[in-house]
């Protein structure tokens, strides 16, 4: 069986790692899909507000928001098969 692999940037890898950590939390099921979307939007809005003042915190906000949006998107199509993502050079 051939595994699909992707090369992603550090921000995408960070968002995926945060998404996985979120989904493994005991209280994850308490979050509605709408809650996750709102969290992602709030993080993106905060990123816009601080972009000029703090690029590092802006990046962190965007990664946080992306992780919440990815978790919400996965809930919308739970039948979609997962794909393996390997670290660069591991495949």
Protein backbone atom coordinates (compact mmCIF):
# COMPACT_ATOMS: atom_id res chain seq x y z
CA UNK A 1 0.00 0.00 0.00
CA UNK A 2 1.38 3.39 -0.98
CA UNK A 3 1.03 6.11 1.65
CA UNK A 4 0.41 9.66 0.53
CA UNK A 5 2.93 12.12 1.89
CA UNK A 6 3.03 15.89 1.85
CA UNK A 7 5.66 18.48 2.54
CA UNK A 8 4.17 21.32 4.56
CA UNK A 9 5.60 24.45 6.07
CA UNK A 10 6.17 24.89 9.76
CA UNK A 11 2.95 26.87 10.18
CA UNK A 12 0.83 24.13 8.60
CA UNK A 13 2.63 21.49 10.65
CA UNK A 14 1.98 23.55 13.78
CA UNK A 15 -1.70 23.87 12.96
CA UNK A 16 -2.02 20.13 12.38
CA UNK A 17 -0.20 19.37 15.63
CA UNK A 18 -2.47 21.76 17.54
CA UNK A 19 -5.53 20.25 15.86
CA UNK A 20 -4.50 16.75 16.90
CA UNK A 21 -3.81 17.89 20.47
CA UNK A 22 -7.22 19.59 20.57
CA UNK A 23 -9.01 16.49 19.27
CA UNK A 24 -7.35 14.33 21.95
CA UNK A 25 -8.46 16.55 24.83
CA UNK A 26 -11.08 15.01 27.10
CA UNK A 27 -13.37 18.02 26.67
CA UNK A 28 -13.15 18.15 22.86
CA UNK A 29 -16.64 16.70 22.36
CA UNK A 30 -18.08 19.56 24.41
CA UNK A 31 -17.14 21.99 21.63
CA UNK A 32 -19.76 22.39 18.95
CA UNK A 33 -18.62 22.74 15.35
CA UNK A 34 -19.88 26.33 15.47
CA UNK A 35 -17.73 26.96 18.57
CA UNK A 36 -14.63 25.77 16.70
CA UNK A 37 -15.43 28.01 13.73
CA UNK A 38 -15.96 31.01 16.00
CA UNK A 39 -12.63 30.33 17.75
CA UNK A 40 -10.87 30.22 14.38
CA UNK A 41 -12.47 33.49 13.31
CA UNK A 42 -11.64 35.17 16.61
CA UNK A 43 -7.99 34.13 16.26
CA UNK A 44 -7.87 35.46 12.69
CA UNK A 45 -9.45 38.75 13.78
CA UNK A 46 -6.91 39.10 16.58
CA UNK A 47 -4.13 38.41 14.06
CA UNK A 48 -5.35 41.29 11.90
CA UNK A 49 -5.39 43.62 14.89
CA UNK A 50 -1.80 42.88 15.94
CA UNK A 51 -0.14 42.26 12.56
CA UNK A 52 1.92 45.46 12.47
CA UNK A 53 2.87 45.36 16.14
CA UNK A 54 3.80 41.71 16.71
CA UNK A 55 4.44 39.39 13.74
CA UNK A 56 5.36 36.43 15.97
CA UNK A 57 2.12 36.64 17.95
CA UNK A 58 0.20 37.18 14.69
CA UNK A 59 1.67 33.92 13.38
CA UNK A 60 0.69 32.12 16.60
CA UNK A 61 -2.88 33.44 16.31
CA UNK A 62 -3.14 32.28 12.71
CA UNK A 63 -1.84 28.81 13.55
CA UNK A 64 -4.24 28.56 16.50
CA UNK A 65 -7.17 29.66 14.34
CA UNK A 66 -6.25 27.28 11.54
CA UNK A 67 -6.17 24.36 13.98
CA UNK A 68 -9.70 25.14 15.15
CA UNK A 69 -10.97 25.52 11.59
CA UNK A 70 -9.35 22.23 10.56
CA UNK A 71 -11.03 20.47 13.48
CA UNK A 72 -14.37 21.98 12.45
CA UNK A 73 -13.86 20.94 8.83
CA UNK A 74 -13.10 17.36 9.87
CA UNK A 75 -16.37 17.24 11.78
CA UNK A 76 -18.29 18.28 8.67
CA UNK A 77 -17.10 15.21 6.74
CA UNK A 78 -16.34 12.48 9.27
CA UNK A 79 -16.39 9.79 6.57
CA UNK A 80 -13.44 11.31 4.70
CA UNK A 81 -10.42 9.03 4.98
CA UNK A 82 -7.43 10.40 6.90
CA UNK A 83 -4.10 10.89 5.14
CA UNK A 84 -0.68 10.29 6.64
CA UNK A 85 1.70 13.21 6.74
CA UNK A 86 5.36 12.32 7.19
CA UNK A 87 8.12 14.62 8.44
CA UNK A 88 10.36 15.96 5.69
CA UNK A 89 12.89 13.30 4.71
CA UNK A 90 11.05 10.47 6.48
CA UNK A 91 9.31 9.08 3.40
